[in-house]
Amino acid sequence: MMRKSLSLFVRPAVRLVKPTSMTTKIIARSIVSIEEAKKMPRNYNEMPNDVLLTMAIGGDQDAREERLIREIMAVDNVSW
């Protein structure tokens, strides 16, 4: 079974009206290193359960499929 890769999401540009310590913290958190980007999950089967659940509740069919696969694995005690 072929897995779909997730699309890359581009963060929208942020314009700061009045710099504060809070906005500085938000900007500092948005900078990602190459190492962090390489560790990021790219396929549904690499995602943690809580993220899949949120995506499935939101209507993502591929996330629902991955949750079903994991449920079958757990109930029937079989590996992928």
PDB file of N, CA and C in Angstrom:
ATOM      1  N   MET A   1       0.833  -1.164   0.000  1.00  0.00           N
ATOM      2  CA  MET A   1       0.000   0.000   0.000  1.00  0.00           C
ATOM      3  C   MET A   1       0.887   1.238   0.000  1.00  0.00           C
ATOM      4  N   MET A   2       0.621   2.138  -0.886  1.00  0.00           N
ATOM      5  CA  MET A   2       1.414   3.355  -1.029  1.00  0.00           C
ATOM      6  C   MET A   2       0.897   4.417  -0.072  1.00  0.00           C
ATOM      7  N   ARG A   3       1.772   5.055   0.645  1.00  0.00           N
ATOM      8  CA  ARG A   3       1.412   6.111   1.593  1.00  0.00           C
ATOM      9  C   ARG A   3       1.535   7.472   0.915  1.00  0.00           C
ATOM     10  N   LYS A   4       0.582   8.318   1.173  1.00  0.00           N
ATOM     11  CA  LYS A   4       0.662   9.673   0.660  1.00  0.00           C
ATOM     12  C   LYS A   4       1.583  10.489   1.549  1.00  0.00           C
ATOM     13  N   SER A   5       2.402  11.316   0.952  1.00  0.00           N
ATOM     14  CA  SER A   5       3.241  12.228   1.722  1.00  0.00           C
ATOM     15  C   SER A   5       2.429  13.474   2.044  1.00  0.00           C
ATOM     16  N   LEU A   6       2.739  14.072   3.148  1.00  0.00           N
ATOM     17  CA  LEU A   6       2.047  15.291   3.532  1.00  0.00           C
ATOM     18  C   LEU A   6       2.562  16.451   2.719  1.00  0.00           C
ATOM     19  N   SER A   7       1.677  17.356   2.417  1.00  0.00           N
ATOM     20  CA  SER A   7       2.072  18.567   1.706  1.00  0.00           C
ATOM     21  C   SER A   7       2.893  19.452   2.621  1.00  0.00           C
ATOM     22  N   LEU A   8       3.764  20.230   2.043  1.00  0.00           N
ATOM     23  CA  LEU A   8       4.533  21.190   2.825  1.00  0.00           C
ATOM     24  C   LEU A   8       3.681  22.422   3.046  1.00  0.00           C
ATOM     25  N   PHE A   9       3.688  22.894   4.261  1.00  0.00           N
ATOM     26  CA  PHE A   9       2.927  24.079   4.594  1.00  0.00           C
ATOM     27  C   PHE A   9       3.885  25.242   4.770  1.00  0.00           C
ATOM     28  N   VAL A  10       3.526  26.365   4.220  1.00  0.00           N
ATOM     29  CA  VAL A  10       4.353  27.565   4.317  1.00  0.00           C
ATOM     30  C   VAL A  10       3.720  28.477   5.358  1.00  0.00           C
ATOM     31  N   ARG A  11       4.532  28.927   6.276  1.00  0.00           N
ATOM     32  CA  ARG A  11       4.022  29.839   7.300  1.00  0.00           C
ATOM     33  C   ARG A  11       3.773  31.206   6.690  1.00  0.00           C
ATOM     34  N   PRO A  12       2.653  31.814   7.039  1.00  0.00           N
ATOM     35  CA  PRO A  12       2.409  33.158   6.521  1.00  0.00           C
ATOM     36  C   PRO A  12       3.370  34.161   7.144  1.00  0.00           C
ATOM     37  N   ALA A  13       3.660  35.195   6.411  1.00  0.00           N
ATOM     38  CA  ALA A  13       4.543  36.235   6.929  1.00  0.00           C
ATOM     39  C   ALA A  13       3.853  36.947   8.084  1.00  0.00           C
ATOM     40  N   VAL A  14       4.622  37.307   9.085  1.00  0.00           N
ATOM     41  CA  VAL A  14       4.069  37.980  10.262  1.00  0.00           C
ATOM     42  C   VAL A  14       4.610  39.395  10.317  1.00  0.00           C
ATOM     43  N   ARG A  15       3.712  40.354  10.434  1.00  0.00           N
ATOM     44  CA  ARG A  15       4.130  41.746  10.590  1.00  0.00           C
ATOM     45  C   ARG A  15       3.862  42.152  12.037  1.00  0.00           C
ATOM     46  N   LEU A  16       4.870  42.673  12.672  1.00  0.00           N
ATOM     47  CA  LEU A  16       4.724  43.105  14.057  1.00  0.00           C
ATOM     48  C   LEU A  16       4.459  44.596  14.096  1.00  0.00           C
ATOM     49  N   VAL A  17       3.404  44.971  14.801  1.00  0.00           N
ATOM     50  CA  VAL A  17       3.073  46.381  14.919  1.00  0.00           C
ATOM     51  C   VAL A  17       3.867  47.016  16.043  1.00  0.00           C
ATOM     52  N   LYS A  18       3.887  46.341  17.188  1.00  0.00           N
ATOM     53  CA  LYS A  18       4.577  46.881  18.350  1.00  0.00           C
ATOM     54  C   LYS A  18       5.349  45.741  18.991  1.00  0.00           C
ATOM     55  N   PRO A  19       6.672  45.688  18.821  1.00  0.00           N
ATOM     56  CA  PRO A  19       7.443  44.584  19.383  1.00  0.00           C
ATOM     57  C   PRO A  19       7.326  44.525  20.906  1.00  0.00           C
ATOM     58  N   THR A  20       7.061  43.339  21.408  1.00  0.00           N
ATOM     59  CA  THR A  20       7.018  43.102  22.847  1.00  0.00           C
ATOM     60  C   THR A  20       7.823  41.845  23.124  1.00  0.00           C
ATOM     61  N   SER A  21       7.996  41.539  24.389  1.00  0.00           N
ATOM     62  CA  SER A  21       8.735  40.311  24.714  1.00  0.00           C
ATOM     63  C   SER A  21       7.981  39.078  24.218  1.00  0.00           C
ATOM     64  N   MET A  22       6.640  39.130  24.211  1.00  0.00           N
ATOM     65  CA  MET A  22       5.835  37.990  23.756  1.00  0.00           C
ATOM     66  C   MET A  22       6.030  37.771  22.257  1.00  0.00           C
ATOM     67  N   THR A  23       5.999  38.826  21.467  1.00  0.00           N
ATOM     68  CA  THR A  23       6.170  38.658  20.023  1.00  0.00           C
ATOM     69  C   THR A  23       7.576  38.180  19.693  1.00  0.00           C
ATOM     70  N   THR A  24       8.547  38.605  20.465  1.00  0.00           N
ATOM     71  CA  THR A  24       9.918  38.138  20.255  1.00  0.00           C
ATOM     72  C   THR A  24      10.001  36.637  20.513  1.00  0.00           C
ATOM     73  N   LYS A  25       9.324  36.150  21.541  1.00  0.00           N
ATOM     74  CA  LYS A  25       9.311  34.718  21.835  1.00  0.00           C
ATOM     75  C   LYS A  25       8.639  33.940  20.713  1.00  0.00           C
ATOM     76  N   ILE A  26       7.556  34.479  20.161  1.00  0.00           N
ATOM     77  CA  ILE A  26       6.852  33.796  19.066  1.00  0.00           C
ATOM     78  C   ILE A  26       7.761  33.692  17.848  1.00  0.00           C
ATOM     79  N   ILE A  27       8.458  34.764  17.504  1.00  0.00           N
ATOM     80  CA  ILE A  27       9.360  34.743  16.361  1.00  0.00           C
ATOM     81  C   ILE A  27      10.500  33.772  16.614  1.00  0.00           C
ATOM     82  N   ALA A  28      11.045  33.763  17.814  1.00  0.00           N
ATOM     83  CA  ALA A  28      12.152  32.866  18.135  1.00  0.00           C
ATOM     84  C   ALA A  28      11.724  31.411  18.004  1.00  0.00           C
ATOM     85  N   ARG A  29      10.495  31.082  18.347  1.00  0.00           N
ATOM     86  CA  ARG A  29      10.010  29.714  18.239  1.00  0.00           C
ATOM     87  C   ARG A  29       9.751  29.299  16.789  1.00  0.00           C
ATOM     88  N   SER A  30       9.518  30.252  15.896  1.00  0.00           N
ATOM     89  CA  SER A  30       9.182  29.906  14.525  1.00  0.00           C
ATOM     90  C   SER A  30      10.400  29.575  13.675  1.00  0.00           C
ATOM     91  N   ILE A  31      11.593  29.830  14.169  1.00  0.00           N
ATOM     92  CA  ILE A  31      12.808  29.517  13.429  1.00  0.00           C
ATOM     93  C   ILE A  31      13.165  28.055  13.668  1.00  0.00           C
ATOM     94  N   VAL A  32      13.268  27.290  12.603  1.00  0.00           N
ATOM     95  CA  VAL A  32      13.534  25.859  12.685  1.00  0.00           C
ATOM     96  C   VAL A  32      14.866  25.566  12.029  1.00  0.00           C
ATOM     97  N   SER A  33      15.666  24.739  12.687  1.00  0.00           N
ATOM     98  CA  SER A  33      16.957  24.377  12.112  1.00  0.00           C
ATOM     99  C   SER A  33      16.786  23.260  11.081  1.00  0.00           C
ATOM    100  N   ILE A  34      17.798  23.036  10.293  1.00  0.00           N
ATOM    101  CA  ILE A  34      17.764  21.965   9.294  1.00  0.00           C
ATOM    102  C   ILE A  34      17.613  20.618   9.979  1.00  0.00           C
ATOM    103  N   GLU A  35      18.286  20.428  11.117  1.00  0.00           N
ATOM    104  CA  GLU A  35      18.192  19.158  11.852  1.00  0.00           C
ATOM    105  C   GLU A  35      16.762  18.904  12.319  1.00  0.00           C
ATOM    106  N   GLU A  36      16.109  19.956  12.836  1.00  0.00           N
ATOM    107  CA  GLU A  36      14.720  19.810  13.283  1.00  0.00           C
ATOM    108  C   GLU A  36      13.801  19.488  12.110  1.00  0.00           C
ATOM    109  N   ALA A  37      14.037  20.128  10.983  1.00  0.00           N
ATOM    110  CA  ALA A  37      13.209  19.883   9.804  1.00  0.00           C
ATOM    111  C   ALA A  37      13.363  18.443   9.308  1.00  0.00           C
ATOM    112  N   LYS A  38      14.586  17.900   9.400  1.00  0.00           N
ATOM    113  CA  LYS A  38      14.821  16.528   8.962  1.00  0.00           C
ATOM    114  C   LYS A  38      14.157  15.510   9.888  1.00  0.00           C
ATOM    115  N   LYS A  39      13.980  15.854  11.160  1.00  0.00           N
ATOM    116  CA  LYS A  39      13.347  14.947  12.125  1.00  0.00           C
ATOM    117  C   LYS A  39      11.826  14.977  12.049  1.00  0.00           C
ATOM    118  N   MET A  40      11.278  15.951  11.352  1.00  0.00           N
ATOM    119  CA  MET A  40       9.841  16.140  11.276  1.00  0.00           C
ATOM    120  C   MET A  40       9.166  14.979  10.550  1.00  0.00           C
ATOM    121  N   PRO A  41       8.015  14.507  11.042  1.00  0.00           N
ATOM    122  CA  PRO A  41       7.320  13.423  10.336  1.00  0.00           C
ATOM    123  C   PRO A  41       6.840  13.884   8.959  1.00  0.00           C
ATOM    124  N   ARG A  42       7.008  13.021   7.982  1.00  0.00           N
ATOM    125  CA  ARG A  42       6.596  13.361   6.624  1.00  0.00           C
ATOM    126  C   ARG A  42       5.435  12.504   6.125  1.00  0.00           C
ATOM    127  N   ASN A  43       5.211  11.380   6.763  1.00  0.00           N
ATOM    128  CA  ASN A  43       4.128  10.480   6.361  1.00  0.00           C
ATOM    129  C   ASN A  43       3.218  10.218   7.553  1.00  0.00           C
ATOM    130  N   TYR A  44       2.017   9.789   7.275  1.00  0.00           N
ATOM    131  CA  TYR A  44       1.052   9.541   8.336  1.00  0.00           C
ATOM    132  C   TYR A  44       1.527   8.452   9.299  1.00  0.00           C
ATOM    133  N   ASN A  45       2.224   7.458   8.796  1.00  0.00           N
ATOM    134  CA  ASN A  45       2.664   6.374   9.677  1.00  0.00           C
ATOM    135  C   ASN A  45       3.797   6.796  10.605  1.00  0.00           C
ATOM    136  N   GLU A  46       4.347   7.989  10.439  1.00  0.00           N
ATOM    137  CA  GLU A  46       5.398   8.509  11.310  1.00  0.00           C
ATOM    138  C   GLU A  46       4.840   9.412  12.407  1.00  0.00           C
ATOM    139  N   MET A  47       3.555   9.720  12.361  1.00  0.00           N
ATOM    140  CA  MET A  47       2.961  10.677  13.288  1.00  0.00           C
ATOM    141  C   MET A  47       2.524  10.017  14.587  1.00  0.00           C
ATOM    142  N   PRO A  48       2.579  10.788  15.679  1.00  0.00           N
ATOM    143  CA  PRO A  48       2.110  10.253  16.960  1.00  0.00           C
ATOM    144  C   PRO A  48       0.579  10.123  16.966  1.00  0.00           C
ATOM    145  N   ASN A  49       0.084   9.286  17.853  1.00  0.00           N
ATOM    146  CA  ASN A  49      -1.349   8.999  17.919  1.00  0.00           C
ATOM    147  C   ASN A  49      -2.203  10.237  18.144  1.00  0.00           C
ATOM    148  N   ASP A  50      -1.770  11.139  19.024  1.00  0.00           N
ATOM    149  CA  ASP A  50      -2.589  12.309  19.327  1.00  0.00           C
ATOM    150  C   ASP A  50      -2.740  13.235  18.118  1.00  0.00           C
ATOM    151  N   VAL A  51      -1.706  13.357  17.314  1.00  0.00           N
ATOM    152  CA  VAL A  51      -1.786  14.180  16.108  1.00  0.00           C
ATOM    153  C   VAL A  51      -2.731  13.530  15.104  1.00  0.00           C
ATOM    154  N   LEU A  52      -2.614  12.216  14.937  1.00  0.00           N
ATOM    155  CA  LEU A  52      -3.518  11.508  14.018  1.00  0.00           C
ATOM    156  C   LEU A  52      -4.965  11.648  14.448  1.00  0.00           C
ATOM    157  N   LEU A  53      -5.211  11.551  15.744  1.00  0.00           N
ATOM    158  CA  LEU A  53      -6.571  11.683  16.255  1.00  0.00           C
ATOM    159  C   LEU A  53      -7.137  13.057  15.920  1.00  0.00           C
ATOM    160  N   THR A  54      -6.360  14.090  16.152  1.00  0.00           N
ATOM    161  CA  THR A  54      -6.806  15.444  15.851  1.00  0.00           C
ATOM    162  C   THR A  54      -7.097  15.606  14.370  1.00  0.00           C
ATOM    163  N   MET A  55      -6.219  15.080  13.525  1.00  0.00           N
ATOM    164  CA  MET A  55      -6.418  15.183  12.081  1.00  0.00           C
ATOM    165  C   MET A  55      -7.629  14.374  11.633  1.00  0.00           C
ATOM    166  N   ALA A  56      -7.810  13.191  12.226  1.00  0.00           N
ATOM    167  CA  ALA A  56      -8.957  12.343  11.870  1.00  0.00           C
ATOM    168  C   ALA A  56     -10.268  13.012  12.259  1.00  0.00           C
ATOM    169  N   ILE A  57     -10.298  13.611  13.439  1.00  0.00           N
ATOM    170  CA  ILE A  57     -11.500  14.327  13.873  1.00  0.00           C
ATOM    171  C   ILE A  57     -11.797  15.484  12.933  1.00  0.00           C
ATOM    172  N   GLY A  58     -10.751  16.095  12.418  1.00  0.00           N
ATOM    173  CA  GLY A  58     -10.904  17.197  11.474  1.00  0.00           C
ATOM    174  C   GLY A  58     -11.320  16.765  10.078  1.00  0.00           C
ATOM    175  N   GLY A  59     -11.433  15.459   9.844  1.00  0.00           N
ATOM    176  CA  GLY A  59     -11.920  14.978   8.555  1.00  0.00           C
ATOM    177  C   GLY A  59     -10.855  14.475   7.601  1.00  0.00           C
ATOM    178  N   ASP A  60      -9.611  14.372   8.032  1.00  0.00           N
ATOM    179  CA  ASP A  60      -8.533  13.901   7.166  1.00  0.00           C
ATOM    180  C   ASP A  60      -8.671  12.382   6.966  1.00  0.00           C
ATOM    181  N   GLN A  61      -9.029  11.979   5.770  1.00  0.00           N
ATOM    182  CA  GLN A  61      -9.294  10.568   5.479  1.00  0.00           C
ATOM    183  C   GLN A  61      -8.044   9.702   5.633  1.00  0.00           C
ATOM    184  N   ASP A  62      -6.893  10.208   5.255  1.00  0.00           N
ATOM    185  CA  ASP A  62      -5.660   9.436   5.391  1.00  0.00           C
ATOM    186  C   ASP A  62      -5.296   9.220   6.862  1.00  0.00           C
ATOM    187  N   ALA A  63      -5.571  10.206   7.699  1.00  0.00           N
ATOM    188  CA  ALA A  63      -5.340  10.048   9.138  1.00  0.00           C
ATOM    189  C   ALA A  63      -6.301   8.999   9.704  1.00  0.00           C
ATOM    190  N   ARG A  64      -7.528   8.997   9.232  1.00  0.00           N
ATOM    191  CA  ARG A  64      -8.501   7.981   9.671  1.00  0.00           C
ATOM    192  C   ARG A  64      -8.033   6.583   9.266  1.00  0.00           C
ATOM    193  N   GLU A  65      -7.503   6.464   8.064  1.00  0.00           N
ATOM    194  CA  GLU A  65      -7.002   5.172   7.587  1.00  0.00           C
ATOM    195  C   GLU A  65      -5.838   4.681   8.459  1.00  0.00           C
ATOM    196  N   GLU A  66      -4.921   5.572   8.792  1.00  0.00           N
ATOM    197  CA  GLU A  66      -3.786   5.193   9.629  1.00  0.00           C
ATOM    198  C   GLU A  66      -4.253   4.790  11.029  1.00  0.00           C
ATOM    199  N   ARG A  67      -5.250   5.488  11.569  1.00  0.00           N
ATOM    200  CA  ARG A  67      -5.786   5.112  12.883  1.00  0.00           C
ATOM    201  C   ARG A  67      -6.435   3.734  12.825  1.00  0.00           C
ATOM    202  N   LEU A  68      -7.141   3.431  11.748  1.00  0.00           N
ATOM    203  CA  LEU A  68      -7.753   2.117  11.588  1.00  0.00           C
ATOM    204  C   LEU A  68      -6.684   1.030  11.520  1.00  0.00           C
ATOM    205  N   ILE A  69      -5.631   1.282  10.775  1.00  0.00           N
ATOM    206  CA  ILE A  69      -4.526   0.322  10.677  1.00  0.00           C
ATOM    207  C   ILE A  69      -3.935   0.060  12.060  1.00  0.00           C
ATOM    208  N   ARG A  70      -3.709   1.116  12.829  1.00  0.00           N
ATOM    209  CA  ARG A  70      -3.141   0.951  14.174  1.00  0.00           C
ATOM    210  C   ARG A  70      -4.098   0.219  15.104  1.00  0.00           C
ATOM    211  N   GLU A  71      -5.388   0.467  14.951  1.00  0.00           N
ATOM    212  CA  GLU A  71      -6.381  -0.231  15.773  1.00  0.00           C
ATOM    213  C   GLU A  71      -6.369  -1.725  15.460  1.00  0.00           C
ATOM    214  N   ILE A  72      -6.319  -2.069  14.196  1.00  0.00           N
ATOM    215  CA  ILE A  72      -6.264  -3.482  13.792  1.00  0.00           C
ATOM    216  C   ILE A  72      -4.997  -4.127  14.325  1.00  0.00           C
ATOM    217  N   MET A  73      -3.877  -3.409  14.243  1.00  0.00           N
ATOM    218  CA  MET A  73      -2.618  -3.941  14.766  1.00  0.00           C
ATOM    219  C   MET A  73      -2.735  -4.239  16.253  1.00  0.00           C
ATOM    220  N   ALA A  74      -3.342  -3.325  16.989  1.00  0.00           N
ATOM    221  CA  ALA A  74      -3.447  -3.484  18.445  1.00  0.00           C
ATOM    222  C   ALA A  74      -4.408  -4.620  18.819  1.00  0.00           C
ATOM    223  N   VAL A  75      -5.548  -4.684  18.150  1.00  0.00           N
ATOM    224  CA  VAL A  75      -6.562  -5.689  18.503  1.00  0.00           C
ATOM    225  C   VAL A  75      -6.133  -7.089  18.062  1.00  0.00           C
ATOM    226  N   ASP A  76      -5.615  -7.188  16.841  1.00  0.00           N
ATOM    227  CA  ASP A  76      -5.246  -8.509  16.298  1.00  0.00           C
ATOM    228  C   ASP A  76      -3.801  -8.911  16.607  1.00  0.00           C
ATOM    229  N   ASN A  77      -3.074  -8.003  17.264  1.00  0.00           N
ATOM    230  CA  ASN A  77      -1.690  -8.270  17.646  1.00  0.00           C
ATOM    231  C   ASN A  77      -0.819  -8.650  16.434  1.00  0.00           C
ATOM    232  N   VAL A  78      -0.915  -7.829  15.403  1.00  0.00           N
ATOM    233  CA  VAL A  78      -0.121  -8.042  14.189  1.00  0.00           C
ATOM    234  C   VAL A  78       0.725  -6.805  13.930  1.00  0.00           C
ATOM    235  N   SER A  79       1.854  -6.986  13.269  1.00  0.00           N
ATOM    236  CA  SER A  79       2.705  -5.843  12.935  1.00  0.00           C
ATOM    237  C   SER A  79       2.410  -5.379  11.520  1.00  0.00           C
ATOM    238  N   TRP A  80       2.841  -4.207  11.228  1.00  0.00           N
ATOM    239  CA  TRP A  80       2.625  -3.604   9.919  1.00  0.00           C
ATOM    240  C   TRP A  80       3.356  -4.443   8.949  1.00  0.00           C
TER     241      TRP A  80
END
